Each structure stands twice: as structure tokens, then as C-alpha cells.
Amino acid sequence: MTSKYLVLHMTDSTGSRLERDEDKRMLESWAGEGEAAGILGPGAPVAGPEQAKSVAVRDGRTLITDGPFPEFKEWFAGYDLIEADSIDEAAAYMSKHPTAVSGRMYILPVVRLPWEEES
């Protein structure tokens, strides 16, 4: 039985260290393999920190501020949703992504909300 995993791509805010052609080659190879195996779901890159917003509600007040907090040393560069038989299989597949070379990825199992498990 397969499980879903959310993969968060974290990189330096200046982008990939890879040459553009190598980055593109690796990404196309990785995506082709994932599509052929049925492991790859939706995913996308995201805009840089200069276009980001932070939202929080405190004491009934909505607080919206620009960008991430300054202590961020890495930038959340994008995400993928994949399906795999195990987190180890997901990690092995993600090791072929360009972000594995130029940053890091966090692989998180997608779980059900507690009230969804009760039904």
C-alpha cells in the first residue's frame, strides 16, 4: 500500500548552485522517472522571499507581514506531493532531484486529521 509524502524543497535564497543546463537535465530526468513509475504528484516552485507574506491571528487580530522572518537562512523553494511504498523509497527517489545537490528536502508523511480517523 502506498502512502503520500509532502516534500519541501529548501535552498539558499539565491537559488541553485547548479548550472542551468545541468539543473534542467536533472529535473527532467527526475520528473520523467517519477511520472513513469506513478510516484510523482503535483508540485511547483514558489516565488522568492521578496514576494512572500506571513499571516497570523492573535487575540482576534489578523497580522499580515511581508516575507519570512529575517532569521531564515534557507528559503522554501517549492514542494512536491509523491506516493511511495515507504518513506525510504520516497527519500531514494528524491535523492535524484536537483535540490538534493543544491539544498535539502524535508519529506513528511501526509496523515489524516484525528476526526477523519474516527469514521
PDB file of N, CA and C in Angstrom:
ATOM      1  N   MET A   1       0.834  -1.178   0.000  1.00  0.00           N
ATOM      2  CA  MET A   1       0.000   0.000   0.000  1.00  0.00           C
ATOM      3  C   MET A   1       0.888   1.253   0.000  1.00  0.00           C
ATOM      4  N   THR A   2       0.593   2.179  -0.886  1.00  0.00           N
ATOM      5  CA  THR A   2       1.385   3.397  -0.952  1.00  0.00           C
ATOM      6  C   THR A   2       0.864   4.447   0.021  1.00  0.00           C
ATOM      7  N   SER A   3       1.743   5.335   0.399  1.00  0.00           N
ATOM      8  CA  SER A   3       1.405   6.476   1.242  1.00  0.00           C
ATOM      9  C   SER A   3       1.801   7.740   0.504  1.00  0.00           C
ATOM     10  N   LYS A   4       1.192   8.854   0.900  1.00  0.00           N
ATOM     11  CA  LYS A   4       1.542  10.144   0.311  1.00  0.00           C
ATOM     12  C   LYS A   4       2.565  10.832   1.194  1.00  0.00           C
ATOM     13  N   TYR A   5       3.461  11.565   0.535  1.00  0.00           N
ATOM     14  CA  TYR A   5       4.507  12.317   1.228  1.00  0.00           C
ATOM     15  C   TYR A   5       4.582  13.721   0.645  1.00  0.00           C
ATOM     16  N   LEU A   6       4.648  14.702   1.527  1.00  0.00           N
ATOM     17  CA  LEU A   6       4.880  16.077   1.124  1.00  0.00           C
ATOM     18  C   LEU A   6       6.380  16.320   1.206  1.00  0.00           C
ATOM     19  N   VAL A   7       6.954  16.815   0.126  1.00  0.00           N
ATOM     20  CA  VAL A   7       8.384  17.099   0.097  1.00  0.00           C
ATOM     21  C   VAL A   7       8.550  18.612   0.003  1.00  0.00           C
ATOM     22  N   LEU A   8       9.255  19.192   0.974  1.00  0.00           N
ATOM     23  CA  LEU A   8       9.545  20.623   0.982  1.00  0.00           C
ATOM     24  C   LEU A   8      10.981  20.817   0.515  1.00  0.00           C
ATOM     25  N   HIS A   9      11.152  21.644  -0.479  1.00  0.00           N
ATOM     26  CA  HIS A   9      12.474  21.927  -1.038  1.00  0.00           C
ATOM     27  C   HIS A   9      13.028  23.170  -0.356  1.00  0.00           C
ATOM     28  N   MET A  10      14.187  23.048   0.263  1.00  0.00           N
ATOM     29  CA  MET A  10      14.828  24.161   0.953  1.00  0.00           C
ATOM     30  C   MET A  10      16.165  24.445   0.276  1.00  0.00           C
ATOM     31  N   THR A  11      16.380  25.701  -0.105  1.00  0.00           N
ATOM     32  CA  THR A  11      17.636  26.079  -0.754  1.00  0.00           C
ATOM     33  C   THR A  11      18.111  27.413  -0.207  1.00  0.00           C
ATOM     34  N   ASP A  12      19.306  27.769  -0.593  1.00  0.00           N
ATOM     35  CA  ASP A  12      19.800  29.107  -0.336  1.00  0.00           C
ATOM     36  C   ASP A  12      18.865  30.072  -1.072  1.00  0.00           C
ATOM     37  N   SER A  13      18.583  31.206  -0.502  1.00  0.00           N
ATOM     38  CA  SER A  13      17.630  32.128  -1.121  1.00  0.00           C
ATOM     39  C   SER A  13      18.108  32.665  -2.464  1.00  0.00           C
ATOM     40  N   THR A  14      19.386  32.484  -2.795  1.00  0.00           N
ATOM     41  CA  THR A  14      19.903  32.951  -4.082  1.00  0.00           C
ATOM     42  C   THR A  14      19.682  31.935  -5.200  1.00  0.00           C
ATOM     43  N   GLY A  15      19.196  30.737  -4.869  1.00  0.00           N
ATOM     44  CA  GLY A  15      18.897  29.750  -5.896  1.00  0.00           C
ATOM     45  C   GLY A  15      19.915  28.634  -5.985  1.00  0.00           C
ATOM     46  N   SER A  16      19.803  27.852  -7.032  1.00  0.00           N
ATOM     47  CA  SER A  16      20.624  26.660  -7.238  1.00  0.00           C
ATOM     48  C   SER A  16      22.069  27.007  -7.563  1.00  0.00           C
ATOM     49  N   ARG A  17      22.981  26.162  -7.075  1.00  0.00           N
ATOM     50  CA  ARG A  17      24.403  26.282  -7.433  1.00  0.00           C
ATOM     51  C   ARG A  17      24.700  25.577  -8.748  1.00  0.00           C
ATOM     52  N   LEU A  18      23.745  24.799  -9.228  1.00  0.00           N
ATOM     53  CA  LEU A  18      23.959  24.051 -10.470  1.00  0.00           C
ATOM     54  C   LEU A  18      23.879  24.966 -11.685  1.00  0.00           C
ATOM     55  N   GLU A  19      24.626  24.612 -12.714  1.00  0.00           N
ATOM     56  CA  GLU A  19      24.486  25.300 -13.997  1.00  0.00           C
ATOM     57  C   GLU A  19      23.068  25.054 -14.498  1.00  0.00           C
ATOM     58  N   ARG A  20      22.507  26.023 -15.181  1.00  0.00           N
ATOM     59  CA  ARG A  20      21.114  25.939 -15.638  1.00  0.00           C
ATOM     60  C   ARG A  20      20.834  24.675 -16.450  1.00  0.00           C
ATOM     61  N   ASP A  21      21.725  24.339 -17.401  1.00  0.00           N
ATOM     62  CA  ASP A  21      21.504  23.150 -18.229  1.00  0.00           C
ATOM     63  C   ASP A  21      21.515  21.872 -17.401  1.00  0.00           C
ATOM     64  N   GLU A  22      22.427  21.784 -16.420  1.00  0.00           N
ATOM     65  CA  GLU A  22      22.501  20.600 -15.563  1.00  0.00           C
ATOM     66  C   GLU A  22      21.277  20.514 -14.662  1.00  0.00           C
ATOM     67  N   ASP A  23      20.846  21.642 -14.122  1.00  0.00           N
ATOM     68  CA  ASP A  23      19.649  21.697 -13.279  1.00  0.00           C
ATOM     69  C   ASP A  23      18.436  21.199 -14.074  1.00  0.00           C
ATOM     70  N   LYS A  24      18.284  21.709 -15.282  1.00  0.00           N
ATOM     71  CA  LYS A  24      17.160  21.319 -16.143  1.00  0.00           C
ATOM     72  C   LYS A  24      17.235  19.837 -16.500  1.00  0.00           C
ATOM     73  N   ARG A  25      18.429  19.350 -16.859  1.00  0.00           N
ATOM     74  CA  ARG A  25      18.591  17.932 -17.217  1.00  0.00           C
ATOM     75  C   ARG A  25      18.200  17.029 -16.051  1.00  0.00           C
ATOM     76  N   MET A  26      18.708  17.355 -14.854  1.00  0.00           N
ATOM     77  CA  MET A  26      18.397  16.542 -13.671  1.00  0.00           C
ATOM     78  C   MET A  26      16.904  16.566 -13.369  1.00  0.00           C
ATOM     79  N   LEU A  27      16.301  17.751 -13.445  1.00  0.00           N
ATOM     80  CA  LEU A  27      14.875  17.879 -13.128  1.00  0.00           C
ATOM     81  C   LEU A  27      14.011  17.113 -14.117  1.00  0.00           C
ATOM     82  N   GLU A  28      14.330  17.213 -15.405  1.00  0.00           N
ATOM     83  CA  GLU A  28      13.554  16.493 -16.419  1.00  0.00           C
ATOM     84  C   GLU A  28      13.706  14.981 -16.271  1.00  0.00           C
ATOM     85  N   SER A  29      14.902  14.505 -15.965  1.00  0.00           N
ATOM     86  CA  SER A  29      15.130  13.079 -15.750  1.00  0.00           C
ATOM     87  C   SER A  29      14.350  12.589 -14.531  1.00  0.00           C
ATOM     88  N   TRP A  30      14.437  13.348 -13.453  1.00  0.00           N
ATOM     89  CA  TRP A  30      13.734  13.005 -12.211  1.00  0.00           C
ATOM     90  C   TRP A  30      12.222  12.958 -12.439  1.00  0.00           C
ATOM     91  N   ALA A  31      11.673  13.988 -13.090  1.00  0.00           N
ATOM     92  CA  ALA A  31      10.229  14.041 -13.334  1.00  0.00           C
ATOM     93  C   ALA A  31       9.784  12.903 -14.253  1.00  0.00           C
ATOM     94  N   GLY A  32      10.564  12.614 -15.291  1.00  0.00           N
ATOM     95  CA  GLY A  32      10.221  11.516 -16.199  1.00  0.00           C
ATOM     96  C   GLY A  32      10.173  10.183 -15.484  1.00  0.00           C
ATOM     97  N   GLU A  33      11.156   9.941 -14.616  1.00  0.00           N
ATOM     98  CA  GLU A  33      11.182   8.697 -13.844  1.00  0.00           C
ATOM     99  C   GLU A  33       9.967   8.614 -12.920  1.00  0.00           C
ATOM    100  N   GLY A  34       9.650   9.700 -12.252  1.00  0.00           N
ATOM    101  CA  GLY A  34       8.523   9.709 -11.321  1.00  0.00           C
ATOM    102  C   GLY A  34       7.186   9.537 -12.008  1.00  0.00           C
ATOM    103  N   GLU A  35       7.018  10.167 -13.166  1.00  0.00           N
ATOM    104  CA  GLU A  35       5.774  10.018 -13.921  1.00  0.00           C
ATOM    105  C   GLU A  35       5.620   8.588 -14.418  1.00  0.00           C
ATOM    106  N   ALA A  36       6.703   8.005 -14.942  1.00  0.00           N
ATOM    107  CA  ALA A  36       6.662   6.634 -15.456  1.00  0.00           C
ATOM    108  C   ALA A  36       6.332   5.631 -14.346  1.00  0.00           C
ATOM    109  N   ALA A  37       6.845   5.884 -13.142  1.00  0.00           N
ATOM    110  CA  ALA A  37       6.605   4.971 -12.012  1.00  0.00           C
ATOM    111  C   ALA A  37       5.303   5.270 -11.285  1.00  0.00           C
ATOM    112  N   GLY A  38       4.641   6.375 -11.621  1.00  0.00           N
ATOM    113  CA  GLY A  38       3.397   6.746 -10.940  1.00  0.00           C
ATOM    114  C   GLY A  38       3.620   7.276  -9.531  1.00  0.00           C
ATOM    115  N   ILE A  39       4.836   7.712  -9.227  1.00  0.00           N
ATOM    116  CA  ILE A  39       5.157   8.183  -7.881  1.00  0.00           C
ATOM    117  C   ILE A  39       4.952   9.696  -7.744  1.00  0.00           C
ATOM    118  N   LEU A  40       5.063  10.422  -8.865  1.00  0.00           N
ATOM    119  CA  LEU A  40       5.062  11.883  -8.837  1.00  0.00           C
ATOM    120  C   LEU A  40       3.655  12.451  -8.941  1.00  0.00           C
ATOM    121  N   GLY A  41       3.314  13.286  -7.975  1.00  0.00           N
ATOM    122  CA  GLY A  41       2.042  14.001  -7.983  1.00  0.00           C
ATOM    123  C   GLY A  41       2.280  15.474  -8.247  1.00  0.00           C
ATOM    124  N   PRO A  42       1.370  16.344  -7.782  1.00  0.00           N
ATOM    125  CA  PRO A  42       1.531  17.778  -8.005  1.00  0.00           C
ATOM    126  C   PRO A  42       2.760  18.338  -7.312  1.00  0.00           C
ATOM    127  N   GLY A  43       3.282  19.393  -7.864  1.00  0.00           N
ATOM    128  CA  GLY A  43       4.418  20.082  -7.274  1.00  0.00           C
ATOM    129  C   GLY A  43       4.686  21.350  -8.047  1.00  0.00           C
ATOM    130  N   ALA A  44       5.439  22.266  -7.450  1.00  0.00           N
ATOM    131  CA  ALA A  44       5.749  23.520  -8.127  1.00  0.00           C
ATOM    132  C   ALA A  44       6.825  24.274  -7.367  1.00  0.00           C
ATOM    133  N   PRO A  45       7.581  25.106  -8.091  1.00  0.00           N
ATOM    134  CA  PRO A  45       8.476  26.033  -7.400  1.00  0.00           C
ATOM    135  C   PRO A  45       7.632  27.181  -6.849  1.00  0.00           C
ATOM    136  N   VAL A  46       8.194  27.954  -5.942  1.00  0.00           N
ATOM    137  CA  VAL A  46       7.486  29.121  -5.410  1.00  0.00           C
ATOM    138  C   VAL A  46       8.355  30.362  -5.586  1.00  0.00           C
ATOM    139  N   ALA A  47       7.722  31.528  -5.516  1.00  0.00           N
ATOM    140  CA  ALA A  47       8.423  32.807  -5.668  1.00  0.00           C
ATOM    141  C   ALA A  47       9.381  33.028  -4.505  1.00  0.00           C
ATOM    142  N   GLY A  48      10.285  33.966  -4.687  1.00  0.00           N
ATOM    143  CA  GLY A  48      11.278  34.273  -3.671  1.00  0.00           C
ATOM    144  C   GLY A  48      10.703  35.000  -2.458  1.00  0.00           C
ATOM    145  N   PRO A  49      11.538  35.167  -1.425  1.00  0.00           N
ATOM    146  CA  PRO A  49      11.083  35.756  -0.171  1.00  0.00           C
ATOM    147  C   PRO A  49      10.573  37.184  -0.316  1.00  0.00           C
ATOM    148  N   GLU A  50      11.028  37.900  -1.331  1.00  0.00           N
ATOM    149  CA  GLU A  50      10.570  39.273  -1.512  1.00  0.00           C
ATOM    150  C   GLU A  50       9.093  39.355  -1.899  1.00  0.00           C
ATOM    151  N   GLN A  51       8.504  38.234  -2.305  1.00  0.00           N
ATOM    152  CA  GLN A  51       7.087  38.209  -2.675  1.00  0.00           C
ATOM    153  C   GLN A  51       6.220  37.482  -1.647  1.00  0.00           C
ATOM    154  N   ALA A  52       6.812  37.042  -0.547  1.00  0.00           N
ATOM    155  CA  ALA A  52       6.107  36.221   0.436  1.00  0.00           C
ATOM    156  C   ALA A  52       5.361  37.078   1.466  1.00  0.00           C
ATOM    157  N   LYS A  53       4.386  36.496   2.106  1.00  0.00           N
ATOM    158  CA  LYS A  53       3.642  37.100   3.208  1.00  0.00           C
ATOM    159  C   LYS A  53       3.576  36.109   4.354  1.00  0.00           C
ATOM    160  N   SER A  54       3.463  36.615   5.541  1.00  0.00           N
ATOM    161  CA  SER A  54       3.266  35.813   6.742  1.00  0.00           C
ATOM    162  C   SER A  54       1.921  36.212   7.341  1.00  0.00           C
ATOM    163  N   VAL A  55       1.104  35.232   7.725  1.00  0.00           N
ATOM    164  CA  VAL A  55      -0.231  35.504   8.266  1.00  0.00           C
ATOM    165  C   VAL A  55      -0.375  34.821   9.611  1.00  0.00           C
ATOM    166  N   ALA A  56      -0.880  35.565  10.578  1.00  0.00           N
ATOM    167  CA  ALA A  56      -1.181  35.015  11.901  1.00  0.00           C
ATOM    168  C   ALA A  56      -2.378  35.757  12.472  1.00  0.00           C
ATOM    169  N   VAL A  57      -3.149  35.068  13.311  1.00  0.00           N
ATOM    170  CA  VAL A  57      -4.256  35.705  14.022  1.00  0.00           C
ATOM    171  C   VAL A  57      -3.968  35.594  15.508  1.00  0.00           C
ATOM    172  N   ARG A  58      -3.922  36.741  16.193  1.00  0.00           N
ATOM    173  CA  ARG A  58      -3.638  36.799  17.626  1.00  0.00           C
ATOM    174  C   ARG A  58      -4.657  37.695  18.300  1.00  0.00           C
ATOM    175  N   ASP A  59      -5.278  37.190  19.335  1.00  0.00           N
ATOM    176  CA  ASP A  59      -6.284  37.954  20.079  1.00  0.00           C
ATOM    177  C   ASP A  59      -7.335  38.554  19.157  1.00  0.00           C
ATOM    178  N   GLY A  60      -7.750  37.791  18.156  1.00  0.00           N
ATOM    179  CA  GLY A  60      -8.793  38.229  17.240  1.00  0.00           C
ATOM    180  C   GLY A  60      -8.324  39.193  16.161  1.00  0.00           C
ATOM    181  N   ARG A  61      -7.040  39.534  16.144  1.00  0.00           N
ATOM    182  CA  ARG A  61      -6.493  40.447  15.138  1.00  0.00           C
ATOM    183  C   ARG A  61      -5.691  39.667  14.104  1.00  0.00           C
ATOM    184  N   THR A  62      -5.925  39.972  12.839  1.00  0.00           N
ATOM    185  CA  THR A  62      -5.160  39.353  11.764  1.00  0.00           C
ATOM    186  C   THR A  62      -3.916  40.189  11.513  1.00  0.00           C
ATOM    187  N   LEU A  63      -2.763  39.527  11.573  1.00  0.00           N
ATOM    188  CA  LEU A  63      -1.482  40.189  11.346  1.00  0.00           C
ATOM    189  C   LEU A  63      -0.882  39.662  10.049  1.00  0.00           C
ATOM    190  N   ILE A  64      -0.697  40.540   9.083  1.00  0.00           N
ATOM    191  CA  ILE A  64      -0.104  40.161   7.805  1.00  0.00           C
ATOM    192  C   ILE A  64       1.161  40.994   7.635  1.00  0.00           C
ATOM    193  N   THR A  65       2.281  40.298   7.470  1.00  0.00           N
ATOM    194  CA  THR A  65       3.565  40.984   7.304  1.00  0.00           C
ATOM    195  C   THR A  65       4.249  40.495   6.041  1.00  0.00           C
ATOM    196  N   ASP A  66       5.208  41.278   5.569  1.00  0.00           N
ATOM    197  CA  ASP A  66       5.968  40.901   4.381  1.00  0.00           C
ATOM    198  C   ASP A  66       6.984  39.825   4.713  1.00  0.00           C
ATOM    199  N   GLY A  67       7.141  38.890   3.773  1.00  0.00           N
ATOM    200  CA  GLY A  67       8.217  37.913   3.784  1.00  0.00           C
ATOM    201  C   GLY A  67       8.352  37.050   5.021  1.00  0.00           C
ATOM    202  N   PRO A  68       9.323  36.163   4.957  1.00  0.00           N
ATOM    203  CA  PRO A  68       9.626  35.323   6.119  1.00  0.00           C
ATOM    204  C   PRO A  68      10.439  36.135   7.132  1.00  0.00           C
ATOM    205  N   PHE A  69      10.599  35.588   8.288  1.00  0.00           N
ATOM    206  CA  PHE A  69      11.384  36.271   9.304  1.00  0.00           C
ATOM    207  C   PHE A  69      12.843  36.324   8.898  1.00  0.00           C
ATOM    208  N   PRO A  70      13.575  37.373   9.303  1.00  0.00           N
ATOM    209  CA  PRO A  70      14.971  37.533   8.864  1.00  0.00           C
ATOM    210  C   PRO A  70      15.890  36.404   9.278  1.00  0.00           C
ATOM    211  N   GLU A  71      15.548  35.622  10.301  1.00  0.00           N
ATOM    212  CA  GLU A  71      16.452  34.563  10.724  1.00  0.00           C
ATOM    213  C   GLU A  71      16.446  33.360   9.776  1.00  0.00           C
ATOM    214  N   PHE A  72      15.576  33.372   8.762  1.00  0.00           N
ATOM    215  CA  PHE A  72      15.599  32.301   7.775  1.00  0.00           C
ATOM    216  C   PHE A  72      16.944  32.304   7.063  1.00  0.00           C
ATOM    217  N   LYS A  73      17.635  31.189   7.074  1.00  0.00           N
ATOM    218  CA  LYS A  73      18.879  31.076   6.318  1.00  0.00           C
ATOM    219  C   LYS A  73      18.640  30.301   5.018  1.00  0.00           C
ATOM    220  N   GLU A  74      17.579  29.505   5.021  1.00  0.00           N
ATOM    221  CA  GLU A  74      17.198  28.766   3.816  1.00  0.00           C
ATOM    222  C   GLU A  74      15.847  29.303   3.366  1.00  0.00           C
ATOM    223  N   TRP A  75      15.554  29.099   2.100  1.00  0.00           N
ATOM    224  CA  TRP A  75      14.266  29.510   1.566  1.00  0.00           C
ATOM    225  C   TRP A  75      13.495  28.285   1.120  1.00  0.00           C
ATOM    226  N   PHE A  76      12.204  28.276   1.413  1.00  0.00           N
ATOM    227  CA  PHE A  76      11.301  27.236   0.942  1.00  0.00           C
ATOM    228  C   PHE A  76      11.099  27.489  -0.545  1.00  0.00           C
ATOM    229  N   ALA A  77      11.731  26.688  -1.377  1.00  0.00           N
ATOM    230  CA  ALA A  77      11.785  26.935  -2.814  1.00  0.00           C
ATOM    231  C   ALA A  77      10.663  26.264  -3.598  1.00  0.00           C
ATOM    232  N   GLY A  78      10.013  25.257  -3.031  1.00  0.00           N
ATOM    233  CA  GLY A  78       8.951  24.566  -3.741  1.00  0.00           C
ATOM    234  C   GLY A  78       8.525  23.323  -3.000  1.00  0.00           C
ATOM    235  N   TYR A  79       7.646  22.563  -3.619  1.00  0.00           N
ATOM    236  CA  TYR A  79       7.124  21.364  -2.978  1.00  0.00           C
ATOM    237  C   TYR A  79       6.789  20.318  -4.028  1.00  0.00           C
ATOM    238  N   ASP A  80       6.679  19.099  -3.582  1.00  0.00           N
ATOM    239  CA  ASP A  80       6.154  18.002  -4.389  1.00  0.00           C
ATOM    240  C   ASP A  80       5.287  17.142  -3.499  1.00  0.00           C
ATOM    241  N   LEU A  81       4.290  16.538  -4.077  1.00  0.00           N
ATOM    242  CA  LEU A  81       3.477  15.538  -3.406  1.00  0.00           C
ATOM    243  C   LEU A  81       3.726  14.244  -4.152  1.00  0.00           C
ATOM    244  N   ILE A  82       4.256  13.248  -3.446  1.00  0.00           N
ATOM    245  CA  ILE A  82       4.583  11.982  -4.101  1.00  0.00           C
ATOM    246  C   ILE A  82       3.915  10.833  -3.362  1.00  0.00           C
ATOM    247  N   GLU A  83       3.826   9.697  -4.033  1.00  0.00           N
ATOM    248  CA  GLU A  83       3.315   8.471  -3.424  1.00  0.00           C
ATOM    249  C   GLU A  83       4.407   7.422  -3.508  1.00  0.00           C
ATOM    250  N   ALA A  84       4.628   6.734  -2.395  1.00  0.00           N
ATOM    251  CA  ALA A  84       5.653   5.697  -2.356  1.00  0.00           C
ATOM    252  C   ALA A  84       5.241   4.630  -1.355  1.00  0.00           C
ATOM    253  N   ASP A  85       5.879   3.473  -1.444  1.00  0.00           N
ATOM    254  CA  ASP A  85       5.582   2.374  -0.522  1.00  0.00           C
ATOM    255  C   ASP A  85       6.129   2.630   0.873  1.00  0.00           C
ATOM    256  N   SER A  86       7.153   3.492   0.969  1.00  0.00           N
ATOM    257  CA  SER A  86       7.741   3.801   2.275  1.00  0.00           C
ATOM    258  C   SER A  86       8.444   5.147   2.202  1.00  0.00           C
ATOM    259  N   ILE A  87       8.752   5.711   3.356  1.00  0.00           N
ATOM    260  CA  ILE A  87       9.490   6.968   3.374  1.00  0.00           C
ATOM    261  C   ILE A  87      10.899   6.763   2.830  1.00  0.00           C
ATOM    262  N   ASP A  88      11.455   5.570   3.005  1.00  0.00           N
ATOM    263  CA  ASP A  88      12.777   5.273   2.447  1.00  0.00           C
ATOM    264  C   ASP A  88      12.750   5.279   0.921  1.00  0.00           C
ATOM    265  N   GLU A  89      11.681   4.728   0.334  1.00  0.00           N
ATOM    266  CA  GLU A  89      11.542   4.758  -1.117  1.00  0.00           C
ATOM    267  C   GLU A  89      11.376   6.207  -1.589  1.00  0.00           C
ATOM    268  N   ALA A  90      10.604   7.000  -0.850  1.00  0.00           N
ATOM    269  CA  ALA A  90      10.428   8.407  -1.190  1.00  0.00           C
ATOM    270  C   ALA A  90      11.771   9.137  -1.136  1.00  0.00           C
ATOM    271  N   ALA A  91      12.563   8.876  -0.106  1.00  0.00           N
ATOM    272  CA  ALA A  91      13.873   9.521   0.041  1.00  0.00           C
ATOM    273  C   ALA A  91      14.819   9.111  -1.090  1.00  0.00           C
ATOM    274  N   ALA A  92      14.811   7.850  -1.462  1.00  0.00           N
ATOM    275  CA  ALA A  92      15.676   7.392  -2.555  1.00  0.00           C
ATOM    276  C   ALA A  92      15.296   8.095  -3.858  1.00  0.00           C
ATOM    277  N   TYR A  93      14.006   8.230  -4.115  1.00  0.00           N
ATOM    278  CA  TYR A  93      13.553   8.923  -5.323  1.00  0.00           C
ATOM    279  C   TYR A  93      13.943  10.402  -5.274  1.00  0.00           C
ATOM    280  N   MET A  94      13.734  11.056  -4.136  1.00  0.00           N
ATOM    281  CA  MET A  94      14.031  12.483  -4.029  1.00  0.00           C
ATOM    282  C   MET A  94      15.525  12.770  -4.094  1.00  0.00           C
ATOM    283  N   SER A  95      16.360  11.777  -3.833  1.00  0.00           N
ATOM    284  CA  SER A  95      17.809  11.992  -3.909  1.00  0.00           C
ATOM    285  C   SER A  95      18.266  12.296  -5.336  1.00  0.00           C
ATOM    286  N   LYS A  96      17.418  12.063  -6.311  1.00  0.00           N
ATOM    287  CA  LYS A  96      17.749  12.322  -7.709  1.00  0.00           C
ATOM    288  C   LYS A  96      17.333  13.724  -8.158  1.00  0.00           C
ATOM    289  N   HIS A  97      16.671  14.479  -7.289  1.00  0.00           N
ATOM    290  CA  HIS A  97      16.192  15.824  -7.611  1.00  0.00           C
ATOM    291  C   HIS A  97      17.338  16.831  -7.476  1.00  0.00           C
ATOM    292  N   PRO A  98      17.393  17.878  -8.314  1.00  0.00           N
ATOM    293  CA  PRO A  98      18.458  18.875  -8.198  1.00  0.00           C
ATOM    294  C   PRO A  98      18.559  19.522  -6.815  1.00  0.00           C
ATOM    295  N   THR A  99      17.466  19.654  -6.100  1.00  0.00           N
ATOM    296  CA  THR A  99      17.530  20.255  -4.767  1.00  0.00           C
ATOM    297  C   THR A  99      18.392  19.424  -3.823  1.00  0.00           C
ATOM    298  N   ALA A 100      18.503  18.128  -4.068  1.00  0.00           N
ATOM    299  CA  ALA A 100      19.349  17.282  -3.222  1.00  0.00           C
ATOM    300  C   ALA A 100      20.816  17.704  -3.334  1.00  0.00           C
ATOM    301  N   VAL A 101      21.183  18.275  -4.461  1.00  0.00           N
ATOM    302  CA  VAL A 101      22.549  18.721  -4.693  1.00  0.00           C
ATOM    303  C   VAL A 101      22.764  20.145  -4.187  1.00  0.00           C
ATOM    304  N   SER A 102      21.767  21.001  -4.379  1.00  0.00           N
ATOM    305  CA  SER A 102      21.946  22.419  -4.089  1.00  0.00           C
ATOM    306  C   SER A 102      21.301  22.880  -2.782  1.00  0.00           C
ATOM    307  N   GLY A 103      20.570  22.021  -2.115  1.00  0.00           N
ATOM    308  CA  GLY A 103      19.904  22.394  -0.868  1.00  0.00           C
ATOM    309  C   GLY A 103      19.603  21.155  -0.052  1.00  0.00           C
ATOM    310  N   ARG A 104      18.401  21.095   0.478  1.00  0.00           N
ATOM    311  CA  ARG A 104      17.944  19.911   1.207  1.00  0.00           C
ATOM    312  C   ARG A 104      16.436  19.805   1.042  1.00  0.00           C
ATOM    313  N   MET A 105      15.919  18.610   1.318  1.00  0.00           N
ATOM    314  CA  MET A 105      14.481  18.394   1.238  1.00  0.00           C
ATOM    315  C   MET A 105      13.997  17.739   2.522  1.00  0.00           C
ATOM    316  N   TYR A 106      12.835  18.143   2.944  1.00  0.00           N
ATOM    317  CA  TYR A 106      12.181  17.520   4.092  1.00  0.00           C
ATOM    318  C   TYR A 106      11.031  16.683   3.550  1.00  0.00           C
ATOM    319  N   ILE A 107      10.988  15.429   3.937  1.00  0.00           N
ATOM    320  CA  ILE A 107       9.950  14.507   3.470  1.00  0.00           C
ATOM    321  C   ILE A 107       9.042  14.210   4.653  1.00  0.00           C
ATOM    322  N   LEU A 108       7.773  14.578   4.505  1.00  0.00           N
ATOM    323  CA  LEU A 108       6.809  14.449   5.599  1.00  0.00           C
ATOM    324  C   LEU A 108       5.646  13.552   5.187  1.00  0.00           C
ATOM    325  N   PRO A 109       5.376  12.484   5.933  1.00  0.00           N
ATOM    326  CA  PRO A 109       4.207  11.661   5.618  1.00  0.00           C
ATOM    327  C   PRO A 109       2.925  12.490   5.774  1.00  0.00           C
ATOM    328  N   VAL A 110       2.035  12.360   4.823  1.00  0.00           N
ATOM    329  CA  VAL A 110       0.727  13.003   4.910  1.00  0.00           C
ATOM    330  C   VAL A 110      -0.151  12.095   5.772  1.00  0.00           C
ATOM    331  N   VAL A 111      -0.764  12.653   6.800  1.00  0.00           N
ATOM    332  CA  VAL A 111      -1.596  11.875   7.719  1.00  0.00           C
ATOM    333  C   VAL A 111      -3.013  12.425   7.724  1.00  0.00           C
ATOM    334  N   ARG A 112      -3.899  11.677   8.282  1.00  0.00           N
ATOM    335  CA  ARG A 112      -5.297  12.104   8.400  1.00  0.00           C
ATOM    336  C   ARG A 112      -5.476  12.904   9.677  1.00  0.00           C
ATOM    337  N   LEU A 113      -6.436  13.809   9.653  1.00  0.00           N
ATOM    338  CA  LEU A 113      -6.792  14.540  10.870  1.00  0.00           C
ATOM    339  C   LEU A 113      -7.436  13.580  11.853  1.00  0.00           C
ATOM    340  N   PRO A 114      -7.298  13.830  13.164  1.00  0.00           N
ATOM    341  CA  PRO A 114      -7.842  12.885  14.156  1.00  0.00           C
ATOM    342  C   PRO A 114      -9.321  12.567  13.943  1.00  0.00           C
ATOM    343  N   TRP A 115     -10.129  13.550  13.586  1.00  0.00           N
ATOM    344  CA  TRP A 115     -11.559  13.297  13.398  1.00  0.00           C
ATOM    345  C   TRP A 115     -11.840  12.533  12.114  1.00  0.00           C
ATOM    346  N   GLU A 116     -10.914  12.514  11.163  1.00  0.00           N
ATOM    347  CA  GLU A 116     -11.087  11.710   9.956  1.00  0.00           C
ATOM    348  C   GLU A 116     -10.821  10.235  10.249  1.00  0.00           C
ATOM    349  N   GLU A 117      -9.942   9.963  11.198  1.00  0.00           N
ATOM    350  CA  GLU A 117      -9.613   8.579  11.545  1.00  0.00           C
ATOM    351  C   GLU A 117     -10.753   7.886  12.263  1.00  0.00           C
ATOM    352  N   GLU A 118     -11.607   8.651  12.934  1.00  0.00           N
ATOM    353  CA  GLU A 118     -12.710   8.084  13.711  1.00  0.00           C
ATOM    354  C   GLU A 118     -13.795   7.496  12.822  1.00  0.00           C
ATOM    355  N   SER A 119     -13.917   7.996  11.576  1.00  0.00           N
ATOM    356  CA  SER A 119     -15.001   7.498  10.708  1.00  0.00           C
ATOM    357  C   SER A 119     -14.632   6.255   9.964  1.00  0.00           C
TER     358      SER A 119
END
